[in-house]
Amino acid sequence: MIDNLFKSLPTDLSSETFDEVLLNKNIRIERIVSQGHTSPETGWYDQEDNEWVLVLQGVGTVLFEDGREVTLQKGDYLHIPAHAKHKVSWTDPDAQTIWLAVHYSP
């Protein structure tokens, strides 16, 4: 089946959207669309799986518990190892940021 990650983008971005692209026992791929969204102020993502994330459009910043911040722009990708505590600290409030996130077992 052919599809397109830029098709059916949400028009209401009052909240961030997560769309599953592929799921099986070894991998989960999702499209995330943000516009000015961040992770909750308290707490961190502490995932069982590794995550590889690619920014397809826009810009966003990932903050790690150790204080390191990584800003990703169109075409930039980042590997986040399992249990590396992190959160999204900023996304462009004036334009959609489209992420492709690949979650896979360590």
PDB file of N, CA and C in Angstrom:
ATOM      1  N   MET A   1       0.842  -1.181   0.000  1.00  0.00           N
ATOM      2  CA  MET A   1       0.000   0.000   0.000  1.00  0.00           C
ATOM      3  C   MET A   1       0.886   1.242   0.000  1.00  0.00           C
ATOM      4  N   ILE A   2       0.613   2.161  -0.883  1.00  0.00           N
ATOM      5  CA  ILE A   2       1.364   3.409  -0.936  1.00  0.00           C
ATOM      6  C   ILE A   2       0.594   4.485  -0.179  1.00  0.00           C
ATOM      7  N   ASP A   3       1.328   5.335   0.501  1.00  0.00           N
ATOM      8  CA  ASP A   3       0.729   6.453   1.225  1.00  0.00           C
ATOM      9  C   ASP A   3       1.743   7.579   1.231  1.00  0.00           C
ATOM     10  N   ASN A   4       1.435   8.688   1.882  1.00  0.00           N
ATOM     11  CA  ASN A   4       2.308   9.844   1.887  1.00  0.00           C
ATOM     12  C   ASN A   4       2.264  10.498   3.258  1.00  0.00           C
ATOM     13  N   LEU A   5       3.419  10.756   3.847  1.00  0.00           N
ATOM     14  CA  LEU A   5       3.486  11.334   5.190  1.00  0.00           C
ATOM     15  C   LEU A   5       2.978  12.775   5.250  1.00  0.00           C
ATOM     16  N   PHE A   6       2.887  13.441   4.096  1.00  0.00           N
ATOM     17  CA  PHE A   6       2.413  14.825   4.063  1.00  0.00           C
ATOM     18  C   PHE A   6       0.917  14.905   3.730  1.00  0.00           C
ATOM     19  N   LYS A   7       0.298  13.751   3.519  1.00  0.00           N
ATOM     20  CA  LYS A   7      -1.134  13.693   3.235  1.00  0.00           C
ATOM     21  C   LYS A   7      -1.912  13.742   4.548  1.00  0.00           C
ATOM     22  N   SER A   8      -3.055  14.328   4.498  1.00  0.00           N
ATOM     23  CA  SER A   8      -3.978  14.352   5.645  1.00  0.00           C
ATOM     24  C   SER A   8      -3.350  14.965   6.889  1.00  0.00           C
ATOM     25  N   LEU A   9      -2.617  16.060   6.703  1.00  0.00           N
ATOM     26  CA  LEU A   9      -2.070  16.757   7.861  1.00  0.00           C
ATOM     27  C   LEU A   9      -3.213  17.399   8.637  1.00  0.00           C
ATOM     28  N   PRO A  10      -3.116  17.404   9.952  1.00  0.00           N
ATOM     29  CA  PRO A  10      -4.214  17.963  10.752  1.00  0.00           C
ATOM     30  C   PRO A  10      -4.333  19.471  10.551  1.00  0.00           C
ATOM     31  N   THR A  11      -5.558  19.955  10.557  1.00  0.00           N
ATOM     32  CA  THR A  11      -5.791  21.399  10.485  1.00  0.00           C
ATOM     33  C   THR A  11      -5.987  21.970  11.885  1.00  0.00           C
ATOM     34  N   ASP A  12      -6.464  21.151  12.805  1.00  0.00           N
ATOM     35  CA  ASP A  12      -6.622  21.567  14.196  1.00  0.00           C
ATOM     36  C   ASP A  12      -5.434  21.044  14.991  1.00  0.00           C
ATOM     37  N   LEU A  13      -4.543  21.950  15.359  1.00  0.00           N
ATOM     38  CA  LEU A  13      -3.377  21.546  16.145  1.00  0.00           C
ATOM     39  C   LEU A  13      -3.458  22.106  17.564  1.00  0.00           C
ATOM     40  N   SER A  14      -4.672  22.062  18.135  1.00  0.00           N
ATOM     41  CA  SER A  14      -4.800  22.469  19.528  1.00  0.00           C
ATOM     42  C   SER A  14      -4.041  21.503  20.429  1.00  0.00           C
ATOM     43  N   SER A  15      -3.796  20.293  19.913  1.00  0.00           N
ATOM     44  CA  SER A  15      -2.912  19.353  20.598  1.00  0.00           C
ATOM     45  C   SER A  15      -2.048  18.666  19.540  1.00  0.00           C
ATOM     46  N   GLU A  16      -0.906  18.195  19.976  1.00  0.00           N
ATOM     47  CA  GLU A  16       0.014  17.490  19.096  1.00  0.00           C
ATOM     48  C   GLU A  16      -0.665  16.211  18.591  1.00  0.00           C
ATOM     49  N   THR A  17      -0.366  15.808  17.348  1.00  0.00           N
ATOM     50  CA  THR A  17      -0.984  14.588  16.822  1.00  0.00           C
ATOM     51  C   THR A  17       0.064  13.497  16.614  1.00  0.00           C
ATOM     52  N   PHE A  18      -0.343  12.267  16.874  1.00  0.00           N
ATOM     53  CA  PHE A  18       0.494  11.082  16.714  1.00  0.00           C
ATOM     54  C   PHE A  18      -0.265  10.107  15.826  1.00  0.00           C
ATOM     55  N   ASP A  19       0.303   9.768  14.674  1.00  0.00           N
ATOM     56  CA  ASP A  19      -0.320   8.834  13.752  1.00  0.00           C
ATOM     57  C   ASP A  19       0.611   7.658  13.515  1.00  0.00           C
ATOM     58  N   GLU A  20       0.108   6.466  13.796  1.00  0.00           N
ATOM     59  CA  GLU A  20       0.891   5.253  13.595  1.00  0.00           C
ATOM     60  C   GLU A  20       0.993   4.951  12.099  1.00  0.00           C
ATOM     61  N   VAL A  21       2.221   4.786  11.618  1.00  0.00           N
ATOM     62  CA  VAL A  21       2.463   4.479  10.216  1.00  0.00           C
ATOM     63  C   VAL A  21       2.659   2.977  10.033  1.00  0.00           C
ATOM     64  N   LEU A  22       3.363   2.351  10.983  1.00  0.00           N
ATOM     65  CA  LEU A  22       3.641   0.918  10.912  1.00  0.00           C
ATOM     66  C   LEU A  22       3.825   0.383  12.318  1.00  0.00           C
ATOM     67  N   LEU A  23       3.288  -0.792  12.560  1.00  0.00           N
ATOM     68  CA  LEU A  23       3.438  -1.431  13.868  1.00  0.00           C
ATOM     69  C   LEU A  23       3.554  -2.930  13.670  1.00  0.00           C
ATOM     70  N   ASN A  24       4.598  -3.509  14.275  1.00  0.00           N
ATOM     71  CA  ASN A  24       4.689  -4.960  14.409  1.00  0.00           C
ATOM     72  C   ASN A  24       5.429  -5.238  15.704  1.00  0.00           C
ATOM     73  N   LYS A  25       5.764  -6.487  15.975  1.00  0.00           N
ATOM     74  CA  LYS A  25       6.345  -6.811  17.283  1.00  0.00           C
ATOM     75  C   LYS A  25       7.741  -6.226  17.488  1.00  0.00           C
ATOM     76  N   ASN A  26       8.442  -5.829  16.436  1.00  0.00           N
ATOM     77  CA  ASN A  26       9.812  -5.330  16.557  1.00  0.00           C
ATOM     78  C   ASN A  26       9.988  -3.840  16.336  1.00  0.00           C
ATOM     79  N   ILE A  27       8.978  -3.190  15.760  1.00  0.00           N
ATOM     80  CA  ILE A  27       9.154  -1.794  15.376  1.00  0.00           C
ATOM     81  C   ILE A  27       7.820  -1.052  15.386  1.00  0.00           C
ATOM     82  N   ARG A  28       7.890   0.221  15.752  1.00  0.00           N
ATOM     83  CA  ARG A  28       6.712   1.102  15.664  1.00  0.00           C
ATOM     84  C   ARG A  28       7.184   2.397  15.021  1.00  0.00           C
ATOM     85  N   ILE A  29       6.521   2.790  13.950  1.00  0.00           N
ATOM     86  CA  ILE A  29       6.857   4.041  13.267  1.00  0.00           C
ATOM     87  C   ILE A  29       5.647   4.952  13.352  1.00  0.00           C
ATOM     88  N   GLU A  30       5.888   6.206  13.748  1.00  0.00           N
ATOM     89  CA  GLU A  30       4.788   7.143  13.851  1.00  0.00           C
ATOM     90  C   GLU A  30       5.163   8.498  13.275  1.00  0.00           C
ATOM     91  N   ARG A  31       4.143   9.170  12.769  1.00  0.00           N
ATOM     92  CA  ARG A  31       4.284  10.554  12.330  1.00  0.00           C
ATOM     93  C   ARG A  31       3.728  11.420  13.454  1.00  0.00           C
ATOM     94  N   ILE A  32       4.514  12.413  13.845  1.00  0.00           N
ATOM     95  CA  ILE A  32       4.091  13.341  14.893  1.00  0.00           C
ATOM     96  C   ILE A  32       4.045  14.727  14.270  1.00  0.00           C
ATOM     97  N   VAL A  33       2.952  15.444  14.508  1.00  0.00           N
ATOM     98  CA  VAL A  33       2.835  16.807  14.005  1.00  0.00           C
ATOM     99  C   VAL A  33       2.673  17.734  15.199  1.00  0.00           C
ATOM    100  N   SER A  34       3.589  18.714  15.285  1.00  0.00           N
ATOM    101  CA  SER A  34       3.628  19.680  16.381  1.00  0.00           C
ATOM    102  C   SER A  34       3.557  21.088  15.815  1.00  0.00           C
ATOM    103  N   GLN A  35       3.044  22.001  16.609  1.00  0.00           N
ATOM    104  CA  GLN A  35       3.125  23.424  16.267  1.00  0.00           C
ATOM    105  C   GLN A  35       3.070  24.192  17.577  1.00  0.00           C
ATOM    106  N   GLY A  36       4.259  24.482  18.090  1.00  0.00           N
ATOM    107  CA  GLY A  36       4.347  25.162  19.374  1.00  0.00           C
ATOM    108  C   GLY A  36       4.161  24.241  20.565  1.00  0.00           C
ATOM    109  N   HIS A  37       4.081  22.940  20.335  1.00  0.00           N
ATOM    110  CA  HIS A  37       3.874  21.979  21.424  1.00  0.00           C
ATOM    111  C   HIS A  37       5.204  21.578  22.053  1.00  0.00           C
ATOM    112  N   THR A  38       5.139  21.247  23.309  1.00  0.00           N
ATOM    113  CA  THR A  38       6.287  20.728  24.053  1.00  0.00           C
ATOM    114  C   THR A  38       5.797  19.561  24.913  1.00  0.00           C
ATOM    115  N   SER A  39       6.750  18.836  25.464  1.00  0.00           N
ATOM    116  CA  SER A  39       6.404  17.785  26.424  1.00  0.00           C
ATOM    117  C   SER A  39       5.905  18.445  27.703  1.00  0.00           C
ATOM    118  N   PRO A  40       5.181  17.707  28.527  1.00  0.00           N
ATOM    119  CA  PRO A  40       4.759  18.269  29.815  1.00  0.00           C
ATOM    120  C   PRO A  40       5.963  18.810  30.596  1.00  0.00           C
ATOM    121  N   GLU A  41       5.735  19.894  31.328  1.00  0.00           N
ATOM    122  CA  GLU A  41       6.828  20.546  32.052  1.00  0.00           C
ATOM    123  C   GLU A  41       7.506  19.613  33.053  1.00  0.00           C
ATOM    124  N   THR A  42       6.723  18.793  33.721  1.00  0.00           N
ATOM    125  CA  THR A  42       7.312  17.859  34.680  1.00  0.00           C
ATOM    126  C   THR A  42       7.392  16.471  34.067  1.00  0.00           C
ATOM    127  N   GLY A  43       8.402  15.737  34.449  1.00  0.00           N
ATOM    128  CA  GLY A  43       8.575  14.375  33.965  1.00  0.00           C
ATOM    129  C   GLY A  43       9.380  14.311  32.680  1.00  0.00           C
ATOM    130  N   TRP A  44       9.825  13.098  32.375  1.00  0.00           N
ATOM    131  CA  TRP A  44      10.660  12.836  31.213  1.00  0.00           C
ATOM    132  C   TRP A  44      10.143  11.612  30.489  1.00  0.00           C
ATOM    133  N   TYR A  45      10.368  11.549  29.182  1.00  0.00           N
ATOM    134  CA  TYR A  45      10.154  10.288  28.473  1.00  0.00           C
ATOM    135  C   TYR A  45      11.301   9.361  28.886  1.00  0.00           C
ATOM    136  N   ASP A  46      10.971   8.172  29.334  1.00  0.00           N
ATOM    137  CA  ASP A  46      11.948   7.153  29.721  1.00  0.00           C
ATOM    138  C   ASP A  46      11.466   5.857  29.089  1.00  0.00           C
ATOM    139  N   GLN A  47      11.809   5.660  27.833  1.00  0.00           N
ATOM    140  CA  GLN A  47      11.227   4.620  26.998  1.00  0.00           C
ATOM    141  C   GLN A  47      11.998   3.308  27.070  1.00  0.00           C
ATOM    142  N   GLU A  48      11.267   2.206  26.984  1.00  0.00           N
ATOM    143  CA  GLU A  48      11.858   0.869  26.957  1.00  0.00           C
ATOM    144  C   GLU A  48      12.600   0.610  25.656  1.00  0.00           C
ATOM    145  N   ASP A  49      12.162   1.260  24.577  1.00  0.00           N
ATOM    146  CA  ASP A  49      12.737   1.045  23.253  1.00  0.00           C
ATOM    147  C   ASP A  49      13.677   2.175  22.857  1.00  0.00           C
ATOM    148  N   ASN A  50      14.563   1.883  21.914  1.00  0.00           N
ATOM    149  CA  ASN A  50      15.354   2.925  21.264  1.00  0.00           C
ATOM    150  C   ASN A  50      14.409   3.735  20.385  1.00  0.00           C
ATOM    151  N   GLU A  51      14.818   4.982  20.101  1.00  0.00           N
ATOM    152  CA  GLU A  51      14.032   5.822  19.196  1.00  0.00           C
ATOM    153  C   GLU A  51      14.979   6.531  18.237  1.00  0.00           C
ATOM    154  N   TRP A  52      14.625   6.486  16.972  1.00  0.00           N
ATOM    155  CA  TRP A  52      15.330   7.236  15.933  1.00  0.00           C
ATOM    156  C   TRP A  52      14.315   8.221  15.400  1.00  0.00           C
ATOM    157  N   VAL A  53      14.630   9.518  15.465  1.00  0.00           N
ATOM    158  CA  VAL A  53      13.663  10.529  15.064  1.00  0.00           C
ATOM    159  C   VAL A  53      14.263  11.410  13.975  1.00  0.00           C
ATOM    160  N   LEU A  54      13.436  11.751  12.979  1.00  0.00           N
ATOM    161  CA  LEU A  54      13.821  12.565  11.832  1.00  0.00           C
ATOM    162  C   LEU A  54      12.823  13.702  11.702  1.00  0.00           C
ATOM    163  N   VAL A  55      13.324  14.925  11.510  1.00  0.00           N
ATOM    164  CA  VAL A  55      12.436  16.052  11.234  1.00  0.00           C
ATOM    165  C   VAL A  55      12.274  16.161   9.722  1.00  0.00           C
ATOM    166  N   LEU A  56      11.041  15.987   9.269  1.00  0.00           N
ATOM    167  CA  LEU A  56      10.733  16.073   7.844  1.00  0.00           C
ATOM    168  C   LEU A  56      10.450  17.511   7.421  1.00  0.00           C
ATOM    169  N   GLN A  57       9.939  18.305   8.361  1.00  0.00           N
ATOM    170  CA  GLN A  57       9.574  19.689   8.087  1.00  0.00           C
ATOM    171  C   GLN A  57       9.568  20.437   9.407  1.00  0.00           C
ATOM    172  N   GLY A  58      10.009  21.676   9.402  1.00  0.00           N
ATOM    173  CA  GLY A  58       9.952  22.503  10.602  1.00  0.00           C
ATOM    174  C   GLY A  58      11.205  22.391  11.441  1.00  0.00           C
ATOM    175  N   VAL A  59      11.041  22.679  12.734  1.00  0.00           N
ATOM    176  CA  VAL A  59      12.168  22.675  13.663  1.00  0.00           C
ATOM    177  C   VAL A  59      11.662  22.374  15.073  1.00  0.00           C
ATOM    178  N   GLY A  60      12.471  21.627  15.826  1.00  0.00           N
ATOM    179  CA  GLY A  60      12.123  21.304  17.202  1.00  0.00           C
ATOM    180  C   GLY A  60      13.376  21.035  18.014  1.00  0.00           C
ATOM    181  N   THR A  61      13.265  21.197  19.320  1.00  0.00           N
ATOM    182  CA  THR A  61      14.403  21.009  20.221  1.00  0.00           C
ATOM    183  C   THR A  61      14.090  19.901  21.213  1.00  0.00           C
ATOM    184  N   VAL A  62      15.051  18.982  21.367  1.00  0.00           N
ATOM    185  CA  VAL A  62      14.947  17.881  22.327  1.00  0.00           C
ATOM    186  C   VAL A  62      15.919  18.169  23.464  1.00  0.00           C
ATOM    187  N   LEU A  63      15.421  18.115  24.692  1.00  0.00           N
ATOM    188  CA  LEU A  63      16.214  18.339  25.892  1.00  0.00           C
ATOM    189  C   LEU A  63      16.422  17.007  26.589  1.00  0.00           C
ATOM    190  N   PHE A  64      17.664  16.727  26.981  1.00  0.00           N
ATOM    191  CA  PHE A  64      17.986  15.511  27.720  1.00  0.00           C
ATOM    192  C   PHE A  64      18.158  15.845  29.194  1.00  0.00           C
ATOM    193  N   GLU A  65      17.945  14.860  30.037  1.00  0.00           N
ATOM    194  CA  GLU A  65      18.018  15.054  31.487  1.00  0.00           C
ATOM    195  C   GLU A  65      19.375  15.612  31.918  1.00  0.00           C
ATOM    196  N   ASP A  66      20.441  15.288  31.186  1.00  0.00           N
ATOM    197  CA  ASP A  66      21.777  15.790  31.550  1.00  0.00           C
ATOM    198  C   ASP A  66      22.001  17.246  31.147  1.00  0.00           C
ATOM    199  N   GLY A  67      20.967  17.901  30.582  1.00  0.00           N
ATOM    200  CA  GLY A  67      21.060  19.312  30.216  1.00  0.00           C
ATOM    201  C   GLY A  67      21.397  19.561  28.747  1.00  0.00           C
ATOM    202  N   ARG A  68      21.766  18.524  28.030  1.00  0.00           N
ATOM    203  CA  ARG A  68      22.094  18.680  26.610  1.00  0.00           C
ATOM    204  C   ARG A  68      20.818  18.958  25.827  1.00  0.00           C
ATOM    205  N   GLU A  69      20.889  19.959  24.934  1.00  0.00           N
ATOM    206  CA  GLU A  69      19.770  20.278  24.055  1.00  0.00           C
ATOM    207  C   GLU A  69      20.205  20.106  22.614  1.00  0.00           C
ATOM    208  N   VAL A  70      19.333  19.503  21.814  1.00  0.00           N
ATOM    209  CA  VAL A  70      19.616  19.266  20.402  1.00  0.00           C
ATOM    210  C   VAL A  70      18.476  19.861  19.595  1.00  0.00           C
ATOM    211  N   THR A  71      18.801  20.809  18.717  1.00  0.00           N
ATOM    212  CA  THR A  71      17.793  21.401  17.842  1.00  0.00           C
ATOM    213  C   THR A  71      17.886  20.724  16.485  1.00  0.00           C
ATOM    214  N   LEU A  72      16.750  20.226  16.032  1.00  0.00           N
ATOM    215  CA  LEU A  72      16.666  19.505  14.764  1.00  0.00           C
ATOM    216  C   LEU A  72      15.870  20.333  13.763  1.00  0.00           C
ATOM    217  N   GLN A  73      16.412  20.455  12.566  1.00  0.00           N
ATOM    218  CA  GLN A  73      15.741  21.129  11.467  1.00  0.00           C
ATOM    219  C   GLN A  73      15.466  20.116  10.374  1.00  0.00           C
ATOM    220  N   LYS A  74      14.787  20.552   9.330  1.00  0.00           N
ATOM    221  CA  LYS A  74      14.421  19.687   8.219  1.00  0.00           C
ATOM    222  C   LYS A  74      15.612  18.840   7.778  1.00  0.00           C
ATOM    223  N   GLY A  75      15.429  17.510   7.805  1.00  0.00           N
ATOM    224  CA  GLY A  75      16.462  16.572   7.382  1.00  0.00           C
ATOM    225  C   GLY A  75      17.361  16.071   8.495  1.00  0.00           C
ATOM    226  N   ASP A  76      17.334  16.714   9.663  1.00  0.00           N
ATOM    227  CA  ASP A  76      18.167  16.274  10.783  1.00  0.00           C
ATOM    228  C   ASP A  76      17.525  15.074  11.474  1.00  0.00           C
ATOM    229  N   TYR A  77      18.377  14.146  11.937  1.00  0.00           N
ATOM    230  CA  TYR A  77      17.867  12.998  12.677  1.00  0.00           C
ATOM    231  C   TYR A  77      18.714  12.770  13.918  1.00  0.00           C
ATOM    232  N   LEU A  78      18.147  12.022  14.855  1.00  0.00           N
ATOM    233  CA  LEU A  78      18.754  11.820  16.159  1.00  0.00           C
ATOM    234  C   LEU A  78      18.400  10.427  16.657  1.00  0.00           C
ATOM    235  N   HIS A  79      19.388   9.729  17.218  1.00  0.00           N
ATOM    236  CA  HIS A  79      19.144   8.442  17.868  1.00  0.00           C
ATOM    237  C   HIS A  79      19.053   8.685  19.363  1.00  0.00           C
ATOM    238  N   ILE A  80      17.984   8.183  19.975  1.00  0.00           N
ATOM    239  CA  ILE A  80      17.780   8.302  21.421  1.00  0.00           C
ATOM    240  C   ILE A  80      17.765   6.882  21.985  1.00  0.00           C
ATOM    241  N   PRO A  81      18.819   6.490  22.700  1.00  0.00           N
ATOM    242  CA  PRO A  81      18.869   5.133  23.254  1.00  0.00           C
ATOM    243  C   PRO A  81      17.761   4.894  24.284  1.00  0.00           C
ATOM    244  N   ALA A  82      17.383   3.642  24.427  1.00  0.00           N
ATOM    245  CA  ALA A  82      16.397   3.276  25.447  1.00  0.00           C
ATOM    246  C   ALA A  82      16.834   3.836  26.798  1.00  0.00           C
ATOM    247  N   HIS A  83      15.875   4.353  27.539  1.00  0.00           N
ATOM    248  CA  HIS A  83      16.050   4.897  28.890  1.00  0.00           C
ATOM    249  C   HIS A  83      16.865   6.188  28.956  1.00  0.00           C
ATOM    250  N   ALA A  84      17.169   6.807  27.813  1.00  0.00           N
ATOM    251  CA  ALA A  84      17.785   8.143  27.835  1.00  0.00           C
ATOM    252  C   ALA A  84      16.641   9.130  28.080  1.00  0.00           C
ATOM    253  N   LYS A  85      16.592   9.677  29.274  1.00  0.00           N
ATOM    254  CA  LYS A  85      15.477  10.555  29.637  1.00  0.00           C
ATOM    255  C   LYS A  85      15.560  11.846  28.813  1.00  0.00           C
ATOM    256  N   HIS A  86      14.417  12.177  28.186  1.00  0.00           N
ATOM    257  CA  HIS A  86      14.380  13.317  27.279  1.00  0.00           C
ATOM    258  C   HIS A  86      12.965  13.877  27.196  1.00  0.00           C
ATOM    259  N   LYS A  87      12.857  15.062  26.586  1.00  0.00           N
ATOM    260  CA  LYS A  87      11.556  15.675  26.314  1.00  0.00           C
ATOM    261  C   LYS A  87      11.719  16.678  25.187  1.00  0.00           C
ATOM    262  N   VAL A  88      10.623  17.038  24.556  1.00  0.00           N
ATOM    263  CA  VAL A  88      10.637  18.092  23.543  1.00  0.00           C
ATOM    264  C   VAL A  88      10.451  19.412  24.285  1.00  0.00           C
ATOM    265  N   SER A  89      11.445  20.296  24.176  1.00  0.00           N
ATOM    266  CA  SER A  89      11.396  21.555  24.912  1.00  0.00           C
ATOM    267  C   SER A  89      10.892  22.720  24.075  1.00  0.00           C
ATOM    268  N   TRP A  90      10.853  22.562  22.721  1.00  0.00           N
ATOM    269  CA  TRP A  90      10.378  23.643  21.863  1.00  0.00           C
ATOM    270  C   TRP A  90      10.066  23.114  20.475  1.00  0.00           C
ATOM    271  N   THR A  91       8.985  23.595  19.898  1.00  0.00           N
ATOM    272  CA  THR A  91       8.710  23.431  18.472  1.00  0.00           C
ATOM    273  C   THR A  91       8.219  24.777  17.958  1.00  0.00           C
ATOM    274  N   ASP A  92       8.421  25.021  16.689  1.00  0.00           N
ATOM    275  CA  ASP A  92       8.073  26.292  16.064  1.00  0.00           C
ATOM    276  C   ASP A  92       6.587  26.595  16.253  1.00  0.00           C
ATOM    277  N   PRO A  93       6.249  27.722  16.880  1.00  0.00           N
ATOM    278  CA  PRO A  93       4.835  28.038  17.088  1.00  0.00           C
ATOM    279  C   PRO A  93       4.136  28.550  15.823  1.00  0.00           C
ATOM    280  N   ASP A  94       4.926  28.928  14.804  1.00  0.00           N
ATOM    281  CA  ASP A  94       4.357  29.548  13.612  1.00  0.00           C
ATOM    282  C   ASP A  94       4.244  28.605  12.415  1.00  0.00           C
ATOM    283  N   ALA A  95       4.754  27.380  12.535  1.00  0.00           N
ATOM    284  CA  ALA A  95       4.712  26.440  11.417  1.00  0.00           C
ATOM    285  C   ALA A  95       4.674  25.012  11.960  1.00  0.00           C
ATOM    286  N   GLN A  96       4.108  24.117  11.176  1.00  0.00           N
ATOM    287  CA  GLN A  96       4.056  22.721  11.596  1.00  0.00           C
ATOM    288  C   GLN A  96       5.448  22.095  11.571  1.00  0.00           C
ATOM    289  N   THR A  97       5.749  21.333  12.603  1.00  0.00           N
ATOM    290  CA  THR A  97       6.937  20.488  12.622  1.00  0.00           C
ATOM    291  C   THR A  97       6.445  19.055  12.474  1.00  0.00           C
ATOM    292  N   ILE A  98       6.971  18.379  11.470  1.00  0.00           N
ATOM    293  CA  ILE A  98       6.568  16.991  11.199  1.00  0.00           C
ATOM    294  C   ILE A  98       7.763  16.096  11.509  1.00  0.00           C
ATOM    295  N   TRP A  99       7.564  15.195  12.464  1.00  0.00           N
ATOM    296  CA  TRP A  99       8.592  14.265  12.904  1.00  0.00           C
ATOM    297  C   TRP A  99       8.235  12.868  12.394  1.00  0.00           C
ATOM    298  N   LEU A 100       9.244  12.077  12.091  1.00  0.00           N
ATOM    299  CA  LEU A 100       9.077  10.655  11.848  1.00  0.00           C
ATOM    300  C   LEU A 100       9.847   9.953  12.963  1.00  0.00           C
ATOM    301  N   ALA A 101       9.147   9.212  13.806  1.00  0.00           N
ATOM    302  CA  ALA A 101       9.762   8.546  14.947  1.00  0.00           C
ATOM    303  C   ALA A 101       9.705   7.047  14.743  1.00  0.00           C
ATOM    304  N   VAL A 102      10.873   6.404  14.858  1.00  0.00           N
ATOM    305  CA  VAL A 102      10.994   4.957  14.717  1.00  0.00           C
ATOM    306  C   VAL A 102      11.413   4.392  16.068  1.00  0.00           C
ATOM    307  N   HIS A 103      10.556   3.580  16.661  1.00  0.00           N
ATOM    308  CA  HIS A 103      10.809   2.962  17.962  1.00  0.00           C
ATOM    309  C   HIS A 103      11.123   1.491  17.712  1.00  0.00           C
ATOM    310  N   TYR A 104      12.246   1.019  18.277  1.00  0.00           N
ATOM    311  CA  TYR A 104      12.618  -0.376  18.048  1.00  0.00           C
ATOM    312  C   TYR A 104      13.322  -0.935  19.278  1.00  0.00           C
ATOM    313  N   SER A 105      13.260  -2.242  19.432  1.00  0.00           N
ATOM    314  CA  SER A 105      13.820  -2.918  20.605  1.00  0.00           C
ATOM    315  C   SER A 105      15.322  -2.758  20.663  1.00  0.00           C
ATOM    316  N   PRO A 106      15.849  -2.623  21.896  1.00  0.00           N
ATOM    317  CA  PRO A 106      17.323  -2.531  22.045  1.00  0.00           C
ATOM    318  C   PRO A 106      18.000  -3.839  21.685  1.00  0.00           C
TER     319      PRO A 106
END
